[in-house]
């Protein structure tokens, strides 16, 4: 695996101690998802994992940016990872659609227990899961964390009750996310 550096300026260049990785989804596709991250508003993520497994790095993991909506106290200690994924889907008749009304094939869908009004979600690719697992290990090595002090992995929805990324029983993340 390799990391493609695309370091921008939309972050706080302040070294902070990290203890948690927060998983987000883009609710759109690359490169549009990357363009959104370029907006100068100090809202950004450290990494984005594309559907093909490529990892883009936007902020050094030492620094921080807002990305959870839960305030600087939390975001200063979090590493944000966006997964290129439409996320939650709406069922109309026997088809599933994104928020932009793009139809998603059933074989690219996972079904979860109803979560905040939705039960269908776009599936992550195998390449994304492989890259995510690799990136988690890379970050633990980067911060020289031993087995007892690993970075926790949480979803955005675990920190913000209005967020949908990801439901607690999302099958591809259930063994990765820290309870």
Foldseek 3Di string as FASTA:
>chain_A
DDEAEPADDLFAPAFAAAFAEAEAEQLAAPPVSVVVQNPNDQAHAQWEQHLQQHIYGHHPPRTFGDHQPQDPVVGRHYGYYYYHFSFFWDDDPHWTAGPVRDTDDPVQWDADDDDPNTGITGHRHPSNLVNVVVVQVVVCVVVVPDPVRGHAYAYSCVRDVVDPGDDCPRPSCVVPHDD
